[in-house]
Amino acid sequence: MMKSKPSLAVLLIHDQRAGHLNPSLGVYDCLETAYATTLNKAETPDIKKWQISLLKKLSWYPYLFDLCSRIVFKDLPPKQNIDCIICSGMPNLLYGLAISRKLKVPIFYAGDLRKVNGQLVNCTITAIEQTTDSDQVVLTTPPVKKDFFTLQEDQLDQTTALLVLGGPTDEHPFSSEDFEKMIEKFIAFCAQNQLKGLITNSRRTPNLEDYFQKTPIPSNIQLHLVQTENALSLVQLIKQSSYIFVTEDSTSMLAETIQSGRLVSSIYSSKSILETLNRKYLQYNLIQRQNLTENFKRPELKNTQDLDLIGPIVQAFKRNLGY
């Protein structure tokens, strides 16, 4: 007779931001293989920057953190049937810590602790090793939802390419002209290689509507922009694609495309800074890099042997929960 899985009631704490919610859901998805999971969600109240800064400092004085977090967050949820907390993103970590300490349940954090006291966190889940007093799991990429990592089984038909546009950051100060140039280079790449092309963006991408109105889009190119109705989701677009070009600013979209087992190039500009995680991806042959001013080259590398998320995450939960 098959042994039944132990039950695990998870409280997922989030602030509606996709970049925070999706890594947490990715961790949760990995647990289904080992546990009979149930999911509750709690939304983090609005919290000001100075309050975040204060609570981070007070995490080193747990008694003061408990006092102050009750004032900042006012209503903490009552004791529910919760076995553990999962969260990602600093405001969610601080709210999660307040709940974890009140309800005395373990907390698992997907992300860099950024000077929060690691002794208050049971386990961190990241793609870059950090100096911390918590238990930690270091994965090849940050966690992504199973919709992405289950695509690794697909056979790639090499007929379709996808361009994924993020937005400007301090490390990647892309201009609107940079994004227009990427689109032109991508369209030329698809024409030269006789590929179907798909283009999508994120909420952070500058408004390119004027550009699209004055630019003729060839019949082999489809636009699936997030602000338009009937646009396909990123998962649906990746499913169709073999080659993916994604701007280097987006940690989550890079992780999602790599975990899909596609051939991936990250797009950068001469002003971009090569971050530690992207340097690691290059070393593992998970991506190639594409300068936006040069003609786009077909990405040719992929490496799915190091992409396991489920094994390390399940082991960490078993270590910390004791079952």
C-alpha atoms as a PDB file:
ATOM      1  CA  MET A   1       0.000   0.000   0.000  1.00  0.00           C
ATOM      2  CA  MET A   2       1.274   3.494  -0.854  1.00  0.00           C
ATOM      3  CA  LYS A   3       2.288   5.493   2.170  1.00  0.00           C
ATOM      4  CA  SER A   4       0.197   8.674   2.360  1.00  0.00           C
ATOM      5  CA  LYS A   5       2.061  11.988   2.248  1.00  0.00           C
ATOM      6  CA  PRO A   6       2.289  14.027   5.464  1.00  0.00           C
ATOM      7  CA  SER A   7       0.032  17.086   5.380  1.00  0.00           C
ATOM      8  CA  LEU A   8       1.563  20.561   5.205  1.00  0.00           C
ATOM      9  CA  ALA A   9      -0.464  23.760   5.653  1.00  0.00           C
ATOM     10  CA  VAL A  10       1.443  26.680   4.108  1.00  0.00           C
ATOM     11  CA  LEU A  11       0.834  30.386   4.706  1.00  0.00           C
ATOM     12  CA  LEU A  12       2.171  32.320   1.705  1.00  0.00           C
ATOM     13  CA  ILE A  13       2.791  36.005   2.426  1.00  0.00           C
ATOM     14  CA  HIS A  14       2.882  38.392  -0.535  1.00  0.00           C
ATOM     15  CA  ASP A  15       2.345  41.996  -1.649  1.00  0.00           C
ATOM     16  CA  GLN A  16       0.789  41.312  -5.096  1.00  0.00           C
ATOM     17  CA  ARG A  17       4.113  41.970  -6.859  1.00  0.00           C
ATOM     18  CA  ALA A  18       4.745  39.190  -9.402  1.00  0.00           C
ATOM     19  CA  GLY A  19       8.490  39.276  -8.707  1.00  0.00           C
ATOM     20  CA  HIS A  20       7.758  38.435  -5.051  1.00  0.00           C
ATOM     21  CA  LEU A  21       4.720  36.174  -5.425  1.00  0.00           C
ATOM     22  CA  ASN A  22       6.058  33.863  -8.157  1.00  0.00           C
ATOM     23  CA  PRO A  23       9.247  32.660  -6.372  1.00  0.00           C
ATOM     24  CA  SER A  24       7.101  31.805  -3.319  1.00  0.00           C
ATOM     25  CA  LEU A  25       4.649  29.884  -5.499  1.00  0.00           C
ATOM     26  CA  GLY A  26       7.657  28.154  -7.079  1.00  0.00           C
ATOM     27  CA  VAL A  27       8.806  26.937  -3.650  1.00  0.00           C
ATOM     28  CA  TYR A  28       5.246  25.809  -2.858  1.00  0.00           C
ATOM     29  CA  ASP A  29       4.954  23.893  -6.160  1.00  0.00           C
ATOM     30  CA  CYS A  30       8.106  21.904  -5.314  1.00  0.00           C
ATOM     31  CA  LEU A  31       6.554  20.641  -2.060  1.00  0.00           C
ATOM     32  CA  GLU A  32       3.643  18.820  -3.724  1.00  0.00           C
ATOM     33  CA  THR A  33       5.828  15.793  -4.489  1.00  0.00           C
ATOM     34  CA  ALA A  34       6.548  15.147  -0.785  1.00  0.00           C
ATOM     35  CA  TYR A  35       3.581  16.640   1.108  1.00  0.00           C
ATOM     36  CA  ALA A  36      -0.201  16.859   0.891  1.00  0.00           C
ATOM     37  CA  THR A  37      -0.136  20.652   0.750  1.00  0.00           C
ATOM     38  CA  THR A  38      -2.809  23.250   1.449  1.00  0.00           C
ATOM     39  CA  LEU A  39      -2.240  26.916   0.650  1.00  0.00           C
ATOM     40  CA  ASN A  40      -3.443  30.014   2.499  1.00  0.00           C
ATOM     41  CA  LYS A  41      -2.363  33.492   1.405  1.00  0.00           C
ATOM     42  CA  ALA A  42      -1.962  36.650   3.485  1.00  0.00           C
ATOM     43  CA  GLU A  43      -1.323  40.054   1.944  1.00  0.00           C
ATOM     44  CA  THR A  44       1.329  42.277   3.518  1.00  0.00           C
ATOM     45  CA  PRO A  45      -0.028  45.648   4.706  1.00  0.00           C
ATOM     46  CA  ASP A  46       1.504  48.749   3.099  1.00  0.00           C
ATOM     47  CA  ILE A  47       4.784  49.549   4.802  1.00  0.00           C
ATOM     48  CA  LYS A  48       6.933  52.670   4.350  1.00  0.00           C
ATOM     49  CA  LYS A  49      10.638  52.612   3.489  1.00  0.00           C
ATOM     50  CA  TRP A  50      11.674  54.027   6.873  1.00  0.00           C
ATOM     51  CA  GLN A  51       9.628  51.311   8.610  1.00  0.00           C
ATOM     52  CA  ILE A  52      11.378  48.628   6.544  1.00  0.00           C
ATOM     53  CA  SER A  53      14.758  50.123   7.467  1.00  0.00           C
ATOM     54  CA  LEU A  54      13.821  50.295  11.169  1.00  0.00           C
ATOM     55  CA  LEU A  55      12.489  46.714  11.357  1.00  0.00           C
ATOM     56  CA  LYS A  56      15.602  45.364   9.587  1.00  0.00           C
ATOM     57  CA  LYS A  57      17.802  47.004  12.254  1.00  0.00           C
ATOM     58  CA  LEU A  58      15.532  45.841  15.092  1.00  0.00           C
ATOM     59  CA  SER A  59      15.681  42.223  13.857  1.00  0.00           C
ATOM     60  CA  TRP A  60      19.024  42.101  15.713  1.00  0.00           C
ATOM     61  CA  TYR A  61      17.120  42.944  18.944  1.00  0.00           C
ATOM     62  CA  PRO A  62      14.255  40.407  18.751  1.00  0.00           C
ATOM     63  CA  TYR A  63      12.343  41.748  21.778  1.00  0.00           C
ATOM     64  CA  LEU A  64      12.268  45.257  20.240  1.00  0.00           C
ATOM     65  CA  PHE A  65      11.400  43.784  16.821  1.00  0.00           C
ATOM     66  CA  ASP A  66       8.362  42.049  18.352  1.00  0.00           C
ATOM     67  CA  LEU A  67       7.173  45.267  20.015  1.00  0.00           C
ATOM     68  CA  CYS A  68       7.709  47.453  16.979  1.00  0.00           C
ATOM     69  CA  SER A  69       6.314  44.995  14.399  1.00  0.00           C
ATOM     70  CA  ARG A  70       3.034  44.844  16.369  1.00  0.00           C
ATOM     71  CA  ILE A  71       2.762  48.637  16.082  1.00  0.00           C
ATOM     72  CA  VAL A  72       3.720  48.746  12.370  1.00  0.00           C
ATOM     73  CA  PHE A  73       1.507  45.830  11.302  1.00  0.00           C
ATOM     74  CA  LYS A  74      -1.267  46.298  13.914  1.00  0.00           C
ATOM     75  CA  ASP A  75      -3.428  43.244  13.092  1.00  0.00           C
ATOM     76  CA  LEU A  76      -1.422  40.045  12.877  1.00  0.00           C
ATOM     77  CA  PRO A  77      -3.482  37.018  11.807  1.00  0.00           C
ATOM     78  CA  PRO A  78      -4.695  34.826  14.699  1.00  0.00           C
ATOM     79  CA  LYS A  79      -3.376  31.295  15.170  1.00  0.00           C
ATOM     80  CA  GLN A  80      -4.501  29.321  12.153  1.00  0.00           C
ATOM     81  CA  ASN A  81      -3.747  25.793  11.111  1.00  0.00           C
ATOM     82  CA  ILE A  82      -0.318  26.745   9.723  1.00  0.00           C
ATOM     83  CA  ASP A  83       2.746  24.501   9.609  1.00  0.00           C
ATOM     84  CA  CYS A  84       5.103  26.976   7.924  1.00  0.00           C
ATOM     85  CA  ILE A  85       5.391  30.359   6.189  1.00  0.00           C
ATOM     86  CA  ILE A  86       6.843  30.978   2.697  1.00  0.00           C
ATOM     87  CA  CYS A  87       7.629  34.459   1.376  1.00  0.00           C
ATOM     88  CA  SER A  88       9.875  36.458  -0.952  1.00  0.00           C
ATOM     89  CA  GLY A  89      10.627  40.205  -1.014  1.00  0.00           C
ATOM     90  CA  MET A  90      11.692  42.353   1.963  1.00  0.00           C
ATOM     91  CA  PRO A  91       8.288  43.782   3.082  1.00  0.00           C
ATOM     92  CA  ASN A  92       6.887  40.231   3.039  1.00  0.00           C
ATOM     93  CA  LEU A  93       9.845  38.876   5.022  1.00  0.00           C
ATOM     94  CA  LEU A  94       9.355  41.460   7.781  1.00  0.00           C
ATOM     95  CA  TYR A  95       5.594  40.792   7.972  1.00  0.00           C
ATOM     96  CA  GLY A  96       6.308  37.054   7.803  1.00  0.00           C
ATOM     97  CA  LEU A  97       8.797  37.288  10.674  1.00  0.00           C
ATOM     98  CA  ALA A  98       6.239  39.094  12.831  1.00  0.00           C
ATOM     99  CA  ILE A  99       3.713  36.295  12.189  1.00  0.00           C
ATOM    100  CA  SER A 100       6.320  33.526  12.507  1.00  0.00           C
ATOM    101  CA  ARG A 101       7.396  34.804  15.930  1.00  0.00           C
ATOM    102  CA  LYS A 102       3.844  35.335  17.159  1.00  0.00           C
ATOM    103  CA  LEU A 103       2.541  31.933  15.994  1.00  0.00           C
ATOM    104  CA  LYS A 104       5.858  30.097  16.545  1.00  0.00           C
ATOM    105  CA  VAL A 105       5.943  28.531  13.076  1.00  0.00           C
ATOM    106  CA  PRO A 106       9.033  28.160  10.848  1.00  0.00           C
ATOM    107  CA  ILE A 107       9.606  30.651   8.020  1.00  0.00           C
ATOM    108  CA  PHE A 108      11.241  29.935   4.641  1.00  0.00           C
ATOM    109  CA  TYR A 109      12.442  32.950   2.641  1.00  0.00           C
ATOM    110  CA  ALA A 110      13.243  32.960  -1.082  1.00  0.00           C
ATOM    111  CA  GLY A 111      15.769  35.769  -1.425  1.00  0.00           C
ATOM    112  CA  ASP A 112      18.723  37.681  -0.026  1.00  0.00           C
ATOM    113  CA  LEU A 113      18.354  38.653   3.644  1.00  0.00           C
ATOM    114  CA  ARG A 114      19.941  42.110   3.071  1.00  0.00           C
ATOM    115  CA  LYS A 115      21.108  42.675   6.681  1.00  0.00           C
ATOM    116  CA  VAL A 116      18.096  41.051   8.380  1.00  0.00           C
ATOM    117  CA  ASN A 117      19.124  38.815  11.309  1.00  0.00           C
ATOM    118  CA  GLY A 118      19.358  35.303   9.830  1.00  0.00           C
ATOM    119  CA  GLN A 119      18.786  33.731  13.267  1.00  0.00           C
ATOM    120  CA  LEU A 120      15.095  34.670  12.971  1.00  0.00           C
ATOM    121  CA  VAL A 121      14.742  32.876   9.606  1.00  0.00           C
ATOM    122  CA  ASN A 122      14.679  29.074   9.499  1.00  0.00           C
ATOM    123  CA  CYS A 123      15.871  28.722   5.913  1.00  0.00           C
ATOM    124  CA  THR A 124      16.756  30.933   2.938  1.00  0.00           C
ATOM    125  CA  ILE A 125      16.348  29.742  -0.655  1.00  0.00           C
ATOM    126  CA  THR A 126      18.546  31.573  -3.184  1.00  0.00           C
ATOM    127  CA  ALA A 127      20.698  31.076  -6.277  1.00  0.00           C
ATOM    128  CA  ILE A 128      23.727  32.868  -4.745  1.00  0.00           C
ATOM    129  CA  GLU A 129      25.291  31.728  -1.457  1.00  0.00           C
ATOM    130  CA  GLN A 130      24.927  34.308   1.316  1.00  0.00           C
ATOM    131  CA  THR A 131      26.588  34.761   4.697  1.00  0.00           C
ATOM    132  CA  THR A 132      23.794  33.946   7.122  1.00  0.00           C
ATOM    133  CA  ASP A 133      23.021  32.207  10.407  1.00  0.00           C
ATOM    134  CA  SER A 134      19.950  30.583   8.844  1.00  0.00           C
ATOM    135  CA  ASP A 135      19.922  27.224   7.089  1.00  0.00           C
ATOM    136  CA  GLN A 136      20.255  27.893   3.367  1.00  0.00           C
ATOM    137  CA  VAL A 137      19.550  26.197   0.051  1.00  0.00           C
ATOM    138  CA  VAL A 138      21.537  27.388  -2.975  1.00  0.00           C
ATOM    139  CA  LEU A 139      19.823  26.494  -6.259  1.00  0.00           C
ATOM    140  CA  THR A 140      21.057  26.943  -9.835  1.00  0.00           C
ATOM    141  CA  THR A 141      18.311  29.540 -10.467  1.00  0.00           C
ATOM    142  CA  PRO A 142      15.863  31.250  -8.119  1.00  0.00           C
ATOM    143  CA  PRO A 143      12.702  29.123  -7.659  1.00  0.00           C
ATOM    144  CA  VAL A 144      10.080  29.299 -10.440  1.00  0.00           C
ATOM    145  CA  LYS A 145       6.574  27.869 -10.765  1.00  0.00           C
ATOM    146  CA  LYS A 146       6.191  24.297 -12.045  1.00  0.00           C
ATOM    147  CA  ASP A 147       4.458  25.614 -15.211  1.00  0.00           C
ATOM    148  CA  PHE A 148       7.983  26.614 -16.300  1.00  0.00           C
ATOM    149  CA  PHE A 149      10.212  23.758 -15.117  1.00  0.00           C
ATOM    150  CA  THR A 150       7.886  21.044 -16.477  1.00  0.00           C
ATOM    151  CA  LEU A 151       8.575  22.464 -19.991  1.00  0.00           C
ATOM    152  CA  GLN A 152      12.092  20.953 -19.841  1.00  0.00           C
ATOM    153  CA  GLU A 153      10.616  17.710 -21.272  1.00  0.00           C
ATOM    154  CA  ASP A 154       9.548  19.425 -24.540  1.00  0.00           C
ATOM    155  CA  GLN A 155      11.200  18.612 -27.863  1.00  0.00           C
ATOM    156  CA  LEU A 156      12.330  21.907 -29.439  1.00  0.00           C
ATOM    157  CA  ASP A 157      11.227  22.275 -33.082  1.00  0.00           C
ATOM    158  CA  GLN A 158      13.520  25.293 -33.736  1.00  0.00           C
ATOM    159  CA  THR A 159      10.870  27.204 -35.725  1.00  0.00           C
ATOM    160  CA  THR A 160      10.060  30.012 -33.264  1.00  0.00           C
ATOM    161  CA  ALA A 161      11.947  32.700 -31.332  1.00  0.00           C
ATOM    162  CA  LEU A 162      10.699  34.823 -28.419  1.00  0.00           C
ATOM    163  CA  LEU A 163      11.779  38.313 -27.320  1.00  0.00           C
ATOM    164  CA  VAL A 164      11.046  39.127 -23.651  1.00  0.00           C
ATOM    165  CA  LEU A 165      11.438  42.797 -22.678  1.00  0.00           C
ATOM    166  CA  GLY A 166      11.874  43.898 -19.061  1.00  0.00           C
ATOM    167  CA  GLY A 167      12.541  47.462 -17.932  1.00  0.00           C
ATOM    168  CA  PRO A 168      15.391  49.790 -16.955  1.00  0.00           C
ATOM    169  CA  THR A 169      17.200  49.207 -13.624  1.00  0.00           C
ATOM    170  CA  ASP A 170      20.307  50.728 -12.005  1.00  0.00           C
ATOM    171  CA  GLU A 171      22.426  47.846 -13.350  1.00  0.00           C
ATOM    172  CA  HIS A 172      20.746  47.946 -16.783  1.00  0.00           C
ATOM    173  CA  PRO A 173      19.748  51.554 -17.609  1.00  0.00           C
ATOM    174  CA  PHE A 174      17.989  50.697 -20.905  1.00  0.00           C
ATOM    175  CA  SER A 175      16.421  53.655 -22.753  1.00  0.00           C
ATOM    176  CA  SER A 176      13.273  53.581 -24.909  1.00  0.00           C
ATOM    177  CA  GLU A 177      15.597  53.744 -27.945  1.00  0.00           C
ATOM    178  CA  ASP A 178      17.408  50.644 -26.632  1.00  0.00           C
ATOM    179  CA  PHE A 179      14.129  48.709 -26.531  1.00  0.00           C
ATOM    180  CA  GLU A 180      13.269  49.864 -30.065  1.00  0.00           C
ATOM    181  CA  LYS A 181      16.692  48.695 -31.249  1.00  0.00           C
ATOM    182  CA  MET A 182      16.174  45.274 -29.616  1.00  0.00           C
ATOM    183  CA  ILE A 183      12.872  44.877 -31.464  1.00  0.00           C
ATOM    184  CA  GLU A 184      14.475  45.845 -34.803  1.00  0.00           C
ATOM    185  CA  LYS A 185      17.391  43.429 -34.264  1.00  0.00           C
ATOM    186  CA  PHE A 186      14.987  40.636 -33.253  1.00  0.00           C
ATOM    187  CA  ILE A 187      12.756  41.155 -36.322  1.00  0.00           C
ATOM    188  CA  ALA A 188      15.880  41.067 -38.550  1.00  0.00           C
ATOM    189  CA  PHE A 189      17.098  37.878 -36.801  1.00  0.00           C
ATOM    190  CA  CYS A 190      13.749  36.142 -37.414  1.00  0.00           C
ATOM    191  CA  ALA A 191      13.733  37.197 -41.094  1.00  0.00           C
ATOM    192  CA  GLN A 192      17.304  36.024 -41.641  1.00  0.00           C
ATOM    193  CA  ASN A 193      16.677  32.623 -39.999  1.00  0.00           C
ATOM    194  CA  GLN A 194      13.130  32.202 -41.390  1.00  0.00           C
ATOM    195  CA  LEU A 195      11.638  31.953 -37.909  1.00  0.00           C
ATOM    196  CA  LYS A 196       8.287  32.901 -36.461  1.00  0.00           C
ATOM    197  CA  GLY A 197       8.850  35.647 -33.864  1.00  0.00           C
ATOM    198  CA  LEU A 198       6.928  36.401 -30.665  1.00  0.00           C
ATOM    199  CA  ILE A 199       7.411  39.626 -28.677  1.00  0.00           C
ATOM    200  CA  THR A 200       6.253  40.211 -25.094  1.00  0.00           C
ATOM    201  CA  ASN A 201       7.063  42.708 -22.360  1.00  0.00           C
ATOM    202  CA  SER A 202       6.592  43.312 -18.642  1.00  0.00           C
ATOM    203  CA  ARG A 203       4.803  45.933 -16.570  1.00  0.00           C
ATOM    204  CA  ARG A 204       8.170  47.730 -16.229  1.00  0.00           C
ATOM    205  CA  THR A 205       8.776  48.145 -19.981  1.00  0.00           C
ATOM    206  CA  PRO A 206       8.547  51.767 -21.204  1.00  0.00           C
ATOM    207  CA  ASN A 207       5.452  52.577 -23.280  1.00  0.00           C
ATOM    208  CA  LEU A 208       6.263  51.572 -26.879  1.00  0.00           C
ATOM    209  CA  GLU A 209       2.794  52.112 -28.375  1.00  0.00           C
ATOM    210  CA  ASP A 210       3.883  55.064 -30.558  1.00  0.00           C
ATOM    211  CA  TYR A 211       6.781  52.994 -31.874  1.00  0.00           C
ATOM    212  CA  PHE A 212       4.540  50.040 -32.774  1.00  0.00           C
ATOM    213  CA  GLN A 213       2.025  52.339 -34.485  1.00  0.00           C
ATOM    214  CA  LYS A 214       4.637  53.831 -36.805  1.00  0.00           C
ATOM    215  CA  THR A 215       6.653  50.624 -37.370  1.00  0.00           C
ATOM    216  CA  PRO A 216       5.406  48.034 -39.881  1.00  0.00           C
ATOM    217  CA  ILE A 217       5.406  44.629 -38.151  1.00  0.00           C
ATOM    218  CA  PRO A 218       6.078  41.722 -40.575  1.00  0.00           C
ATOM    219  CA  SER A 219       3.535  38.892 -40.834  1.00  0.00           C
ATOM    220  CA  ASN A 220       5.924  36.383 -39.185  1.00  0.00           C
ATOM    221  CA  ILE A 221       5.992  38.485 -35.967  1.00  0.00           C
ATOM    222  CA  GLN A 222       3.260  38.411 -33.288  1.00  0.00           C
ATOM    223  CA  LEU A 223       2.959  40.966 -30.458  1.00  0.00           C
ATOM    224  CA  HIS A 224       1.743  39.692 -27.073  1.00  0.00           C
ATOM    225  CA  LEU A 225       2.099  42.815 -24.928  1.00  0.00           C
ATOM    226  CA  VAL A 226       0.904  42.548 -21.318  1.00  0.00           C
ATOM    227  CA  GLN A 227      -1.350  45.599 -21.565  1.00  0.00           C
ATOM    228  CA  THR A 228      -3.350  44.167 -24.510  1.00  0.00           C
ATOM    229  CA  GLU A 229      -6.326  41.828 -24.298  1.00  0.00           C
ATOM    230  CA  ASN A 230      -5.912  38.236 -25.506  1.00  0.00           C
ATOM    231  CA  ALA A 231      -2.108  38.365 -25.159  1.00  0.00           C
ATOM    232  CA  LEU A 232      -0.668  34.930 -24.399  1.00  0.00           C
ATOM    233  CA  SER A 233       1.028  34.469 -21.006  1.00  0.00           C
ATOM    234  CA  LEU A 234       4.799  34.038 -20.728  1.00  0.00           C
ATOM    235  CA  VAL A 235       4.380  30.283 -20.142  1.00  0.00           C
ATOM    236  CA  GLN A 236       2.261  29.932 -23.295  1.00  0.00           C
ATOM    237  CA  LEU A 237       4.803  31.905 -25.330  1.00  0.00           C
ATOM    238  CA  ILE A 238       7.774  29.891 -24.022  1.00  0.00           C
ATOM    239  CA  LYS A 239       5.877  26.670 -24.824  1.00  0.00           C
ATOM    240  CA  GLN A 240       5.832  27.689 -28.520  1.00  0.00           C
ATOM    241  CA  SER A 241       9.474  28.830 -28.627  1.00  0.00           C
ATOM    242  CA  SER A 242      12.904  27.255 -29.021  1.00  0.00           C
ATOM    243  CA  TYR A 243      15.070  30.400 -28.915  1.00  0.00           C
ATOM    244  CA  ILE A 244      14.563  33.112 -26.306  1.00  0.00           C
ATOM    245  CA  PHE A 245      16.123  36.570 -25.999  1.00  0.00           C
ATOM    246  CA  VAL A 246      15.394  38.165 -22.606  1.00  0.00           C
ATOM    247  CA  THR A 247      16.673  41.471 -21.237  1.00  0.00           C
ATOM    248  CA  GLU A 248      19.230  40.972 -18.497  1.00  0.00           C
ATOM    249  CA  ASP A 249      17.448  43.192 -15.945  1.00  0.00           C
ATOM    250  CA  SER A 250      14.744  40.672 -15.041  1.00  0.00           C
ATOM    251  CA  THR A 251      15.894  38.070 -12.513  1.00  0.00           C
ATOM    252  CA  SER A 252      12.547  36.262 -12.539  1.00  0.00           C
ATOM    253  CA  MET A 253      12.027  36.150 -16.326  1.00  0.00           C
ATOM    254  CA  LEU A 254      15.610  34.950 -16.860  1.00  0.00           C
ATOM    255  CA  ALA A 255      15.106  32.184 -14.282  1.00  0.00           C
ATOM    256  CA  GLU A 256      11.770  31.189 -15.858  1.00  0.00           C
ATOM    257  CA  THR A 257      13.191  30.986 -19.389  1.00  0.00           C
ATOM    258  CA  ILE A 258      16.289  29.045 -18.248  1.00  0.00           C
ATOM    259  CA  GLN A 259      14.161  26.598 -16.228  1.00  0.00           C
ATOM    260  CA  SER A 260      12.031  25.933 -19.338  1.00  0.00           C
ATOM    261  CA  GLY A 261      15.009  24.200 -20.981  1.00  0.00           C
ATOM    262  CA  ARG A 262      15.053  26.595 -23.954  1.00  0.00           C
ATOM    263  CA  LEU A 263      18.088  28.101 -25.717  1.00  0.00           C
ATOM    264  CA  VAL A 264      18.472  31.495 -24.020  1.00  0.00           C
ATOM    265  CA  SER A 265      20.436  34.692 -24.679  1.00  0.00           C
ATOM    266  CA  SER A 266      20.367  37.625 -22.257  1.00  0.00           C
ATOM    267  CA  ILE A 267      20.340  41.093 -23.853  1.00  0.00           C
ATOM    268  CA  TYR A 268      22.611  43.793 -22.413  1.00  0.00           C
ATOM    269  CA  SER A 269      23.846  47.281 -23.324  1.00  0.00           C
ATOM    270  CA  SER A 270      27.314  48.831 -23.090  1.00  0.00           C
ATOM    271  CA  LYS A 271      26.155  50.460 -19.811  1.00  0.00           C
ATOM    272  CA  SER A 272      24.990  47.155 -18.269  1.00  0.00           C
ATOM    273  CA  ILE A 273      26.739  45.656 -15.243  1.00  0.00           C
ATOM    274  CA  LEU A 274      27.227  41.864 -15.389  1.00  0.00           C
ATOM    275  CA  GLU A 275      25.676  40.765 -12.096  1.00  0.00           C
ATOM    276  CA  THR A 276      26.898  37.808 -10.019  1.00  0.00           C
ATOM    277  CA  LEU A 277      23.917  35.587 -10.852  1.00  0.00           C
ATOM    278  CA  ASN A 278      24.179  36.202 -14.604  1.00  0.00           C
ATOM    279  CA  ARG A 279      27.926  35.500 -14.456  1.00  0.00           C
ATOM    280  CA  LYS A 280      27.064  32.174 -12.809  1.00  0.00           C
ATOM    281  CA  TYR A 281      24.568  31.381 -15.603  1.00  0.00           C
ATOM    282  CA  LEU A 282      27.323  31.965 -18.188  1.00  0.00           C
ATOM    283  CA  GLN A 283      29.714  29.663 -16.290  1.00  0.00           C
ATOM    284  CA  TYR A 284      27.053  26.911 -16.172  1.00  0.00           C
ATOM    285  CA  ASN A 285      26.366  27.284 -19.940  1.00  0.00           C
ATOM    286  CA  LEU A 286      22.755  28.212 -19.152  1.00  0.00           C
ATOM    287  CA  ILE A 287      22.755  31.412 -21.248  1.00  0.00           C
ATOM    288  CA  GLN A 288      24.715  33.329 -23.831  1.00  0.00           C
ATOM    289  CA  ARG A 289      24.907  37.144 -23.908  1.00  0.00           C
ATOM    290  CA  GLN A 290      23.719  39.385 -26.738  1.00  0.00           C
ATOM    291  CA  ASN A 291      24.777  43.040 -27.056  1.00  0.00           C
ATOM    292  CA  LEU A 292      21.725  44.980 -28.237  1.00  0.00           C
ATOM    293  CA  THR A 293      23.760  46.955 -30.812  1.00  0.00           C
ATOM    294  CA  GLU A 294      25.021  43.828 -32.603  1.00  0.00           C
ATOM    295  CA  ASN A 295      23.142  41.520 -34.960  1.00  0.00           C
ATOM    296  CA  PHE A 296      21.331  38.877 -32.916  1.00  0.00           C
ATOM    297  CA  LYS A 297      22.942  35.424 -33.013  1.00  0.00           C
ATOM    298  CA  ARG A 298      21.067  32.173 -32.517  1.00  0.00           C
ATOM    299  CA  PRO A 299      21.575  30.945 -28.908  1.00  0.00           C
ATOM    300  CA  GLU A 300      23.051  27.431 -28.983  1.00  0.00           C
ATOM    301  CA  LEU A 301      23.690  26.436 -25.354  1.00  0.00           C
ATOM    302  CA  LYS A 302      21.438  24.729 -22.858  1.00  0.00           C
ATOM    303  CA  ASN A 303      22.145  22.659 -19.776  1.00  0.00           C
ATOM    304  CA  THR A 304      19.240  21.044 -17.946  1.00  0.00           C
ATOM    305  CA  GLN A 305      21.256  18.661 -15.750  1.00  0.00           C
ATOM    306  CA  ASP A 306      21.741  21.207 -12.928  1.00  0.00           C
ATOM    307  CA  LEU A 307      18.231  22.690 -12.904  1.00  0.00           C
ATOM    308  CA  ASP A 308      16.596  20.511 -10.202  1.00  0.00           C
ATOM    309  CA  LEU A 309      14.584  22.653  -7.784  1.00  0.00           C
ATOM    310  CA  ILE A 310      12.383  19.988  -6.172  1.00  0.00           C
ATOM    311  CA  GLY A 311      15.085  17.825  -4.529  1.00  0.00           C
ATOM    312  CA  PRO A 312      16.994  20.565  -2.647  1.00  0.00           C
ATOM    313  CA  ILE A 313      13.816  22.416  -1.580  1.00  0.00           C
ATOM    314  CA  VAL A 314      12.063  19.284  -0.260  1.00  0.00           C
ATOM    315  CA  GLN A 315      15.221  18.265   1.660  1.00  0.00           C
ATOM    316  CA  ALA A 316      15.371  21.718   3.282  1.00  0.00           C
ATOM    317  CA  PHE A 317      11.749  21.531   4.434  1.00  0.00           C
ATOM    318  CA  LYS A 318      12.268  18.021   5.832  1.00  0.00           C
ATOM    319  CA  ARG A 319      15.380  19.226   7.703  1.00  0.00           C
ATOM    320  CA  ASN A 320      13.595  22.190   9.235  1.00  0.00           C
ATOM    321  CA  LEU A 321      10.167  20.664   9.880  1.00  0.00           C
ATOM    322  CA  GLY A 322      11.445  17.280  11.044  1.00  0.00           C
ATOM    323  CA  TYR A 323       9.153  15.312   8.692  1.00  0.00           C
END
